[in-house]
Amino acid sequence: MNIEGRTIRLRAVEPEDADLMYVWENDCDIWSVSGTTEPFSHYQMRRFVERHQDTIGVLCDGQLRLIVETLLSARPVGAIDLFEYDPIHRRAGVGILIYEQSDRGRGYASDALETLCRYTHDTLRVHQLWCNVGADNEASLRLFRSAGFTQIGVKRDWIWRPHGYNDEIMLQKILDF
């Protein structure tokens, strides 16, 4: 499955992605936004990828991870996830990572998010997407707001970080194109 945007392609996770995902998931610098609290093993990453390979049907386990790669070079630059998919109410959470600092600010995240919104609406018939973003994560707040997500609430002192507690912003987008 390949879903193309203007500059990126969203594609299914492949077995060869396990090593790259191992690096991404074990980077302590992004744990504060991913909610990760302990390292993943190579075995866990391979099993995660295998489960995605074995799944027939989208979102069978309530989540879908897609690799974000550039159209020109087919180079993986990150991942975008749907999670907590609710088929009754037709909604899902969304998270995105563009891993390398040098790949950020190049439009990959906005194109990936726009492409995912279109795919979830047109193909999966999802009615709404939501996300939670740390109030101090200005880049992600800008990304989601520019993609049409609106703030629907604030969780006060929700996220603990070494320097203290931070608020978390709840955003939502109704997918009526």
N, C-alpha and C. Protein backbone atom coordinates (compact mmCIF):
# COMPACT_ATOMS: atom_id res chain seq x y z
N MET A 1 0.85 -1.16 0.00
CA MET A 1 0.00 0.00 0.00
C MET A 1 0.89 1.23 0.00
N ASN A 2 0.77 2.06 -0.98
CA ASN A 2 1.47 3.34 -1.03
C ASN A 2 0.44 4.44 -1.23
N ILE A 3 0.55 5.47 -0.42
CA ILE A 3 -0.36 6.61 -0.47
C ILE A 3 0.52 7.83 -0.70
N GLU A 4 0.33 8.49 -1.84
CA GLU A 4 1.25 9.57 -2.19
C GLU A 4 0.67 10.94 -1.92
N GLY A 5 1.55 11.80 -1.41
CA GLY A 5 1.27 13.22 -1.26
C GLY A 5 2.02 13.99 -2.32
N ARG A 6 2.31 15.26 -2.03
CA ARG A 6 3.06 16.09 -2.98
C ARG A 6 4.56 15.76 -2.97
N THR A 7 5.09 15.55 -1.75
CA THR A 7 6.54 15.33 -1.63
C THR A 7 6.88 14.03 -0.92
N ILE A 8 5.87 13.38 -0.36
CA ILE A 8 6.11 12.16 0.42
C ILE A 8 5.20 11.03 -0.04
N ARG A 9 5.56 9.86 0.40
CA ARG A 9 4.74 8.67 0.19
C ARG A 9 4.56 8.03 1.57
N LEU A 10 3.35 7.60 1.87
CA LEU A 10 3.08 6.81 3.07
C LEU A 10 3.00 5.37 2.62
N ARG A 11 3.78 4.53 3.26
CA ARG A 11 3.79 3.13 2.85
C ARG A 11 3.74 2.23 4.07
N ALA A 12 3.38 0.99 3.83
CA ALA A 12 3.32 0.00 4.89
C ALA A 12 4.72 -0.25 5.45
N VAL A 13 4.76 -0.67 6.69
CA VAL A 13 6.01 -1.05 7.34
C VAL A 13 6.50 -2.34 6.70
N GLU A 14 7.78 -2.37 6.34
CA GLU A 14 8.42 -3.53 5.74
C GLU A 14 9.41 -4.15 6.74
N PRO A 15 9.74 -5.44 6.57
CA PRO A 15 10.69 -6.08 7.50
C PRO A 15 12.00 -5.32 7.66
N GLU A 16 12.50 -4.72 6.58
CA GLU A 16 13.77 -4.00 6.67
C GLU A 16 13.66 -2.70 7.47
N ASP A 17 12.45 -2.28 7.83
CA ASP A 17 12.26 -1.07 8.65
C ASP A 17 12.52 -1.32 10.13
N ALA A 18 12.63 -2.57 10.54
CA ALA A 18 12.77 -2.89 11.97
C ALA A 18 14.00 -2.22 12.59
N ASP A 19 15.12 -2.23 11.89
CA ASP A 19 16.34 -1.62 12.45
C ASP A 19 16.20 -0.11 12.58
N LEU A 20 15.61 0.53 11.58
CA LEU A 20 15.40 1.97 11.62
C LEU A 20 14.42 2.34 12.75
N MET A 21 13.34 1.59 12.87
CA MET A 21 12.37 1.84 13.93
C MET A 21 12.98 1.60 15.30
N TYR A 22 13.89 0.65 15.39
CA TYR A 22 14.61 0.39 16.64
C TYR A 22 15.38 1.65 17.07
N VAL A 23 16.05 2.30 16.12
CA VAL A 23 16.79 3.52 16.42
C VAL A 23 15.83 4.63 16.84
N TRP A 24 14.75 4.83 16.07
CA TRP A 24 13.80 5.89 16.39
C TRP A 24 13.18 5.69 17.77
N GLU A 25 12.70 4.50 18.02
CA GLU A 25 11.98 4.24 19.28
C GLU A 25 12.89 4.28 20.50
N ASN A 26 14.18 4.07 20.32
CA ASN A 26 15.10 4.07 21.44
C ASN A 26 15.86 5.38 21.63
N ASP A 27 15.48 6.40 20.91
CA ASP A 27 16.09 7.71 21.06
C ASP A 27 15.44 8.41 22.25
N CYS A 28 16.18 8.52 23.34
CA CYS A 28 15.66 9.12 24.58
C CYS A 28 15.18 10.56 24.37
N ASP A 29 15.73 11.25 23.38
CA ASP A 29 15.35 12.64 23.15
C ASP A 29 13.90 12.80 22.68
N ILE A 30 13.32 11.74 22.12
CA ILE A 30 11.92 11.86 21.68
C ILE A 30 10.95 11.15 22.62
N TRP A 31 11.46 10.53 23.66
CA TRP A 31 10.59 9.83 24.60
C TRP A 31 9.57 10.76 25.25
N SER A 32 9.94 12.01 25.46
CA SER A 32 9.01 12.92 26.12
C SER A 32 7.77 13.20 25.28
N VAL A 33 7.85 13.06 23.97
CA VAL A 33 6.66 13.27 23.13
C VAL A 33 5.98 11.97 22.75
N SER A 34 6.70 10.86 22.86
CA SER A 34 6.10 9.58 22.48
C SER A 34 5.51 8.83 23.67
N GLY A 35 5.86 9.26 24.87
CA GLY A 35 5.37 8.56 26.05
C GLY A 35 6.16 7.31 26.39
N THR A 36 7.26 7.09 25.70
CA THR A 36 8.09 5.92 25.95
C THR A 36 8.86 6.11 27.25
N THR A 37 8.97 5.03 28.02
CA THR A 37 9.68 5.14 29.30
C THR A 37 10.80 4.12 29.45
N GLU A 38 10.92 3.22 28.49
CA GLU A 38 11.97 2.20 28.57
C GLU A 38 12.35 1.78 27.16
N PRO A 39 13.57 1.31 26.98
CA PRO A 39 14.03 0.93 25.63
C PRO A 39 13.31 -0.31 25.09
N PHE A 40 13.29 -0.39 23.78
CA PHE A 40 12.77 -1.56 23.07
C PHE A 40 13.94 -2.41 22.61
N SER A 41 13.75 -3.70 22.57
CA SER A 41 14.79 -4.60 22.06
C SER A 41 14.62 -4.78 20.56
N HIS A 42 15.68 -5.27 19.92
CA HIS A 42 15.58 -5.63 18.49
C HIS A 42 14.46 -6.66 18.30
N TYR A 43 14.38 -7.61 19.21
CA TYR A 43 13.35 -8.64 19.12
C TYR A 43 11.96 -8.02 19.15
N GLN A 44 11.72 -7.08 20.05
CA GLN A 44 10.41 -6.43 20.13
C GLN A 44 10.08 -5.69 18.84
N MET A 45 11.06 -5.01 18.26
CA MET A 45 10.82 -4.29 17.01
C MET A 45 10.51 -5.25 15.87
N ARG A 46 11.27 -6.35 15.80
CA ARG A 46 10.99 -7.34 14.74
C ARG A 46 9.59 -7.92 14.90
N ARG A 47 9.19 -8.23 16.14
CA ARG A 47 7.84 -8.77 16.40
C ARG A 47 6.77 -7.75 16.03
N PHE A 48 6.99 -6.48 16.34
CA PHE A 48 6.05 -5.42 15.99
C PHE A 48 5.86 -5.37 14.47
N VAL A 49 6.98 -5.41 13.75
CA VAL A 49 6.92 -5.38 12.28
C VAL A 49 6.24 -6.64 11.76
N GLU A 50 6.55 -7.78 12.33
CA GLU A 50 5.91 -9.04 11.90
C GLU A 50 4.41 -9.00 12.12
N ARG A 51 3.97 -8.47 13.23
CA ARG A 51 2.52 -8.36 13.49
C ARG A 51 1.86 -7.50 12.42
N HIS A 52 2.53 -6.41 12.03
CA HIS A 52 1.98 -5.56 10.98
C HIS A 52 1.96 -6.30 9.65
N GLN A 53 2.94 -7.16 9.40
CA GLN A 53 2.98 -7.93 8.16
C GLN A 53 1.89 -8.98 8.13
N ASP A 54 1.57 -9.55 9.28
CA ASP A 54 0.59 -10.63 9.38
C ASP A 54 -0.85 -10.14 9.40
N THR A 55 -1.04 -8.85 9.64
CA THR A 55 -2.40 -8.31 9.77
C THR A 55 -3.04 -8.19 8.40
N ILE A 56 -4.22 -8.77 8.28
CA ILE A 56 -5.00 -8.60 7.06
C ILE A 56 -6.15 -7.69 7.43
N GLY A 57 -6.28 -6.61 6.71
CA GLY A 57 -7.28 -5.61 7.06
C GLY A 57 -6.61 -4.49 7.84
N VAL A 58 -7.06 -3.30 7.58
CA VAL A 58 -6.47 -2.12 8.19
C VAL A 58 -6.98 -1.96 9.62
N LEU A 59 -6.11 -1.61 10.51
CA LEU A 59 -6.45 -1.27 11.88
C LEU A 59 -7.07 -2.41 12.66
N CYS A 60 -6.70 -3.66 12.36
CA CYS A 60 -7.24 -4.80 13.09
C CYS A 60 -6.92 -4.73 14.57
N ASP A 61 -5.77 -4.22 14.93
CA ASP A 61 -5.41 -4.13 16.34
C ASP A 61 -5.59 -2.72 16.88
N GLY A 62 -6.35 -1.91 16.18
CA GLY A 62 -6.62 -0.55 16.63
C GLY A 62 -5.54 0.45 16.27
N GLN A 63 -4.53 0.02 15.52
CA GLN A 63 -3.49 0.96 15.13
C GLN A 63 -2.97 0.65 13.74
N LEU A 64 -2.37 1.66 13.15
CA LEU A 64 -1.75 1.53 11.84
C LEU A 64 -0.53 2.43 11.82
N ARG A 65 0.63 1.87 11.56
CA ARG A 65 1.84 2.66 11.41
C ARG A 65 2.21 2.65 9.95
N LEU A 66 2.49 3.84 9.43
CA LEU A 66 2.95 4.00 8.06
C LEU A 66 4.29 4.71 8.08
N ILE A 67 5.18 4.29 7.20
CA ILE A 67 6.48 4.94 7.06
C ILE A 67 6.32 6.13 6.12
N VAL A 68 6.90 7.26 6.50
CA VAL A 68 6.91 8.46 5.67
C VAL A 68 8.24 8.46 4.93
N GLU A 69 8.17 8.40 3.59
CA GLU A 69 9.40 8.46 2.80
C GLU A 69 9.27 9.51 1.72
N THR A 70 10.40 10.05 1.29
CA THR A 70 10.39 11.08 0.25
C THR A 70 10.03 10.45 -1.09
N LEU A 71 9.33 11.20 -1.89
CA LEU A 71 8.97 10.69 -3.22
C LEU A 71 10.20 10.58 -4.12
N LEU A 72 11.08 11.57 -4.05
CA LEU A 72 12.22 11.59 -4.97
C LEU A 72 13.23 10.47 -4.72
N SER A 73 13.56 10.23 -3.46
CA SER A 73 14.62 9.25 -3.18
C SER A 73 14.11 7.99 -2.49
N ALA A 74 12.84 7.95 -2.13
CA ALA A 74 12.26 6.83 -1.39
C ALA A 74 13.00 6.60 -0.07
N ARG A 75 13.52 7.67 0.51
CA ARG A 75 14.25 7.60 1.77
C ARG A 75 13.29 7.77 2.93
N PRO A 76 13.26 6.83 3.88
CA PRO A 76 12.39 6.98 5.05
C PRO A 76 12.85 8.16 5.90
N VAL A 77 11.92 9.05 6.23
CA VAL A 77 12.25 10.21 7.07
C VAL A 77 11.48 10.18 8.39
N GLY A 78 10.51 9.29 8.51
CA GLY A 78 9.73 9.24 9.74
C GLY A 78 8.59 8.24 9.65
N ALA A 79 7.66 8.41 10.57
CA ALA A 79 6.50 7.53 10.63
C ALA A 79 5.29 8.34 11.06
N ILE A 80 4.13 7.86 10.65
CA ILE A 80 2.87 8.47 11.09
C ILE A 80 1.97 7.33 11.53
N ASP A 81 1.31 7.51 12.65
CA ASP A 81 0.52 6.45 13.27
C ASP A 81 -0.93 6.86 13.45
N LEU A 82 -1.81 5.89 13.24
CA LEU A 82 -3.18 5.97 13.73
C LEU A 82 -3.24 5.02 14.90
N PHE A 83 -3.91 5.41 15.97
CA PHE A 83 -4.02 4.55 17.14
C PHE A 83 -5.37 4.79 17.82
N GLU A 84 -5.72 3.87 18.70
CA GLU A 84 -7.01 3.91 19.39
C GLU A 84 -8.16 4.10 18.40
N TYR A 85 -8.06 3.40 17.28
CA TYR A 85 -9.11 3.45 16.26
C TYR A 85 -10.42 2.92 16.86
N ASP A 86 -11.47 3.69 16.69
CA ASP A 86 -12.79 3.33 17.20
C ASP A 86 -13.72 3.18 15.99
N PRO A 87 -14.01 1.94 15.56
CA PRO A 87 -14.82 1.75 14.36
C PRO A 87 -16.29 2.13 14.53
N ILE A 88 -16.77 2.14 15.74
CA ILE A 88 -18.17 2.53 15.97
C ILE A 88 -18.33 4.03 15.78
N HIS A 89 -17.47 4.80 16.41
CA HIS A 89 -17.57 6.26 16.34
C HIS A 89 -16.72 6.85 15.22
N ARG A 90 -15.98 5.98 14.53
CA ARG A 90 -15.19 6.35 13.36
C ARG A 90 -14.21 7.49 13.67
N ARG A 91 -13.36 7.24 14.67
CA ARG A 91 -12.34 8.21 15.03
C ARG A 91 -11.05 7.47 15.40
N ALA A 92 -9.96 8.23 15.35
CA ALA A 92 -8.65 7.66 15.69
C ALA A 92 -7.72 8.77 16.14
N GLY A 93 -6.76 8.40 16.96
CA GLY A 93 -5.69 9.31 17.33
C GLY A 93 -4.62 9.29 16.26
N VAL A 94 -3.86 10.35 16.17
CA VAL A 94 -2.79 10.42 15.18
C VAL A 94 -1.53 10.97 15.84
N GLY A 95 -0.39 10.40 15.45
CA GLY A 95 0.91 10.87 15.91
C GLY A 95 1.88 10.82 14.75
N ILE A 96 2.86 11.69 14.77
CA ILE A 96 3.81 11.76 13.66
C ILE A 96 5.21 12.03 14.18
N LEU A 97 6.19 11.47 13.49
CA LEU A 97 7.60 11.71 13.79
C LEU A 97 8.34 11.92 12.48
N ILE A 98 9.01 13.04 12.37
CA ILE A 98 10.04 13.22 11.35
C ILE A 98 11.33 13.21 12.15
N TYR A 99 12.14 12.18 11.98
CA TYR A 99 13.20 11.88 12.93
C TYR A 99 14.38 12.84 12.89
N GLU A 100 15.03 12.96 11.75
CA GLU A 100 16.25 13.78 11.67
C GLU A 100 15.92 15.26 11.69
N GLN A 101 16.68 16.00 12.48
CA GLN A 101 16.50 17.45 12.56
C GLN A 101 16.61 18.08 11.17
N SER A 102 17.51 17.56 10.34
CA SER A 102 17.72 18.13 9.00
C SER A 102 16.54 17.90 8.06
N ASP A 103 15.65 16.96 8.40
CA ASP A 103 14.46 16.71 7.59
C ASP A 103 13.24 17.50 8.06
N ARG A 104 13.35 18.11 9.23
CA ARG A 104 12.24 18.90 9.77
C ARG A 104 12.22 20.26 9.10
N GLY A 105 11.03 20.83 8.99
CA GLY A 105 10.89 22.14 8.38
C GLY A 105 10.93 22.11 6.86
N ARG A 106 10.87 20.93 6.28
CA ARG A 106 10.93 20.80 4.82
C ARG A 106 9.56 20.48 4.22
N GLY A 107 8.52 20.46 5.06
CA GLY A 107 7.17 20.20 4.59
C GLY A 107 6.76 18.74 4.60
N TYR A 108 7.65 17.84 5.01
CA TYR A 108 7.32 16.41 5.03
C TYR A 108 6.19 16.10 6.00
N ALA A 109 6.24 16.68 7.20
CA ALA A 109 5.21 16.40 8.21
C ALA A 109 3.85 16.93 7.77
N SER A 110 3.81 18.15 7.24
CA SER A 110 2.51 18.70 6.82
C SER A 110 1.94 17.93 5.64
N ASP A 111 2.78 17.52 4.70
CA ASP A 111 2.31 16.72 3.57
C ASP A 111 1.84 15.35 4.04
N ALA A 112 2.58 14.74 4.97
CA ALA A 112 2.19 13.43 5.49
C ALA A 112 0.86 13.52 6.24
N LEU A 113 0.69 14.55 7.06
CA LEU A 113 -0.55 14.71 7.82
C LEU A 113 -1.74 14.97 6.89
N GLU A 114 -1.55 15.83 5.91
CA GLU A 114 -2.61 16.11 4.94
C GLU A 114 -2.98 14.85 4.16
N THR A 115 -1.97 14.10 3.74
CA THR A 115 -2.18 12.86 2.99
C THR A 115 -2.90 11.83 3.85
N LEU A 116 -2.50 11.72 5.12
CA LEU A 116 -3.17 10.78 6.04
C LEU A 116 -4.62 11.18 6.27
N CYS A 117 -4.90 12.46 6.43
CA CYS A 117 -6.28 12.92 6.62
C CYS A 117 -7.14 12.53 5.42
N ARG A 118 -6.62 12.75 4.23
CA ARG A 118 -7.36 12.40 3.01
C ARG A 118 -7.60 10.89 2.94
N TYR A 119 -6.56 10.11 3.22
CA TYR A 119 -6.67 8.65 3.19
C TYR A 119 -7.68 8.13 4.22
N THR A 120 -7.58 8.63 5.44
CA THR A 120 -8.50 8.14 6.48
C THR A 120 -9.94 8.50 6.16
N HIS A 121 -10.17 9.65 5.59
CA HIS A 121 -11.53 10.05 5.22
C HIS A 121 -12.04 9.26 4.02
N ASP A 122 -11.27 9.25 2.94
CA ASP A 122 -11.73 8.65 1.68
C ASP A 122 -11.74 7.13 1.70
N THR A 123 -10.77 6.51 2.34
CA THR A 123 -10.63 5.06 2.28
C THR A 123 -11.15 4.37 3.53
N LEU A 124 -10.78 4.88 4.69
CA LEU A 124 -11.17 4.24 5.95
C LEU A 124 -12.50 4.76 6.48
N ARG A 125 -12.99 5.85 5.89
CA ARG A 125 -14.27 6.45 6.30
C ARG A 125 -14.24 6.93 7.76
N VAL A 126 -13.05 7.37 8.20
CA VAL A 126 -12.92 7.93 9.54
C VAL A 126 -13.56 9.32 9.53
N HIS A 127 -14.33 9.61 10.57
CA HIS A 127 -15.04 10.89 10.68
C HIS A 127 -14.17 11.97 11.34
N GLN A 128 -13.33 11.56 12.29
CA GLN A 128 -12.52 12.56 12.98
C GLN A 128 -11.21 11.96 13.47
N LEU A 129 -10.21 12.83 13.50
CA LEU A 129 -8.90 12.50 14.06
C LEU A 129 -8.65 13.41 15.25
N TRP A 130 -7.87 12.91 16.19
CA TRP A 130 -7.53 13.71 17.36
C TRP A 130 -6.06 13.48 17.71
N CYS A 131 -5.51 14.40 18.47
CA CYS A 131 -4.14 14.25 18.95
C CYS A 131 -3.99 15.02 20.25
N ASN A 132 -2.97 14.65 21.01
CA ASN A 132 -2.60 15.34 22.23
C ASN A 132 -1.16 15.79 22.06
N VAL A 133 -0.91 17.08 22.31
CA VAL A 133 0.42 17.65 22.08
C VAL A 133 0.82 18.45 23.31
N GLY A 134 2.05 18.27 23.75
CA GLY A 134 2.56 19.07 24.86
C GLY A 134 2.49 20.55 24.53
N ALA A 135 2.06 21.34 25.51
CA ALA A 135 1.90 22.78 25.29
C ALA A 135 3.22 23.45 24.92
N ASP A 136 4.34 22.83 25.26
CA ASP A 136 5.64 23.39 24.94
C ASP A 136 6.18 22.92 23.59
N ASN A 137 5.42 22.08 22.89
CA ASN A 137 5.85 21.56 21.59
C ASN A 137 5.26 22.46 20.48
N GLU A 138 5.86 23.62 20.34
CA GLU A 138 5.33 24.62 19.42
C GLU A 138 5.30 24.15 17.97
N ALA A 139 6.30 23.40 17.54
CA ALA A 139 6.34 22.93 16.15
C ALA A 139 5.16 22.01 15.86
N SER A 140 4.88 21.07 16.77
CA SER A 140 3.75 20.16 16.55
C SER A 140 2.41 20.88 16.64
N LEU A 141 2.30 21.82 17.55
CA LEU A 141 1.05 22.59 17.62
C LEU A 141 0.81 23.35 16.33
N ARG A 142 1.86 23.98 15.79
CA ARG A 142 1.74 24.69 14.50
C ARG A 142 1.33 23.72 13.39
N LEU A 143 1.98 22.54 13.36
CA LEU A 143 1.69 21.54 12.34
C LEU A 143 0.22 21.16 12.35
N PHE A 144 -0.29 20.75 13.51
CA PHE A 144 -1.66 20.28 13.58
C PHE A 144 -2.66 21.41 13.35
N ARG A 145 -2.39 22.58 13.89
CA ARG A 145 -3.31 23.72 13.67
C ARG A 145 -3.35 24.10 12.18
N SER A 146 -2.19 24.09 11.52
CA SER A 146 -2.18 24.44 10.09
C SER A 146 -2.87 23.38 9.25
N ALA A 147 -3.01 22.17 9.78
CA ALA A 147 -3.72 21.10 9.07
C ALA A 147 -5.21 21.10 9.39
N GLY A 148 -5.68 22.09 10.13
CA GLY A 148 -7.10 22.21 10.40
C GLY A 148 -7.56 21.59 11.71
N PHE A 149 -6.64 21.16 12.55
CA PHE A 149 -7.01 20.66 13.87
C PHE A 149 -7.29 21.86 14.77
N THR A 150 -8.32 21.77 15.59
CA THR A 150 -8.66 22.84 16.51
C THR A 150 -8.51 22.36 17.96
N GLN A 151 -8.14 23.29 18.81
CA GLN A 151 -7.97 22.96 20.22
C GLN A 151 -9.33 22.75 20.86
N ILE A 152 -9.46 21.63 21.57
CA ILE A 152 -10.73 21.34 22.23
C ILE A 152 -10.59 21.24 23.74
N GLY A 153 -9.36 21.36 24.23
CA GLY A 153 -9.18 21.31 25.67
C GLY A 153 -7.72 21.35 26.07
N VAL A 154 -7.52 21.53 27.37
CA VAL A 154 -6.18 21.54 27.94
C VAL A 154 -6.19 20.64 29.17
N LYS A 155 -5.24 19.74 29.22
CA LYS A 155 -5.03 18.92 30.42
C LYS A 155 -3.93 19.60 31.21
N ARG A 156 -4.27 20.15 32.35
CA ARG A 156 -3.33 20.91 33.18
C ARG A 156 -2.33 19.99 33.88
N ASP A 157 -1.07 20.40 33.89
CA ASP A 157 0.00 19.66 34.57
C ASP A 157 -0.05 18.17 34.23
N TRP A 158 -0.25 17.84 32.98
CA TRP A 158 -0.50 16.47 32.53
C TRP A 158 0.77 15.68 32.27
N ILE A 159 1.81 16.38 31.81
CA ILE A 159 3.04 15.70 31.39
C ILE A 159 4.17 16.08 32.33
N TRP A 160 4.77 15.07 32.96
CA TRP A 160 5.92 15.35 33.82
C TRP A 160 7.19 15.30 33.00
N ARG A 161 8.01 16.29 33.19
CA ARG A 161 9.33 16.35 32.60
C ARG A 161 10.31 16.71 33.72
N PRO A 162 11.59 16.49 33.54
CA PRO A 162 12.54 16.78 34.62
C PRO A 162 12.47 18.21 35.17
N HIS A 163 12.05 19.16 34.34
CA HIS A 163 11.96 20.55 34.81
C HIS A 163 10.60 20.88 35.43
N GLY A 164 9.69 19.92 35.48
CA GLY A 164 8.37 20.14 36.09
C GLY A 164 7.25 19.64 35.20
N TYR A 165 6.04 19.94 35.60
CA TYR A 165 4.85 19.51 34.86
C TYR A 165 4.50 20.50 33.76
N ASN A 166 4.00 19.97 32.66
CA ASN A 166 3.54 20.78 31.53
C ASN A 166 2.11 20.41 31.18
N ASP A 167 1.42 21.36 30.56
CA ASP A 167 0.07 21.11 30.07
C ASP A 167 0.13 20.32 28.78
N GLU A 168 -0.96 19.65 28.47
CA GLU A 168 -1.10 18.95 27.20
C GLU A 168 -2.35 19.50 26.51
N ILE A 169 -2.19 19.83 25.23
CA ILE A 169 -3.27 20.41 24.43
C ILE A 169 -3.96 19.29 23.66
N MET A 170 -5.28 19.26 23.73
CA MET A 170 -6.09 18.28 22.98
C MET A 170 -6.60 18.99 21.72
N LEU A 171 -6.35 18.35 20.56
CA LEU A 171 -6.80 18.90 19.28
C LEU A 171 -7.61 17.85 18.53
N GLN A 172 -8.48 18.34 17.67
CA GLN A 172 -9.38 17.46 16.92
C GLN A 172 -9.63 18.04 15.53
N LYS A 173 -9.84 17.14 14.58
CA LYS A 173 -10.22 17.59 13.23
C LYS A 173 -11.37 16.71 12.74
N ILE A 174 -12.46 17.35 12.39
CA ILE A 174 -13.58 16.65 11.76
C ILE A 174 -13.26 16.58 10.27
N LEU A 175 -13.31 15.38 9.71
CA LEU A 175 -12.87 15.17 8.33
C LEU A 175 -14.03 15.31 7.34
N ASP A 176 -14.53 16.50 7.22
CA ASP A 176 -15.57 16.78 6.22
C ASP A 176 -14.94 17.62 5.12
N PHE A 177 -14.60 16.93 4.03
CA PHE A 177 -13.95 17.61 2.91
C PHE A 177 -14.97 18.16 1.96
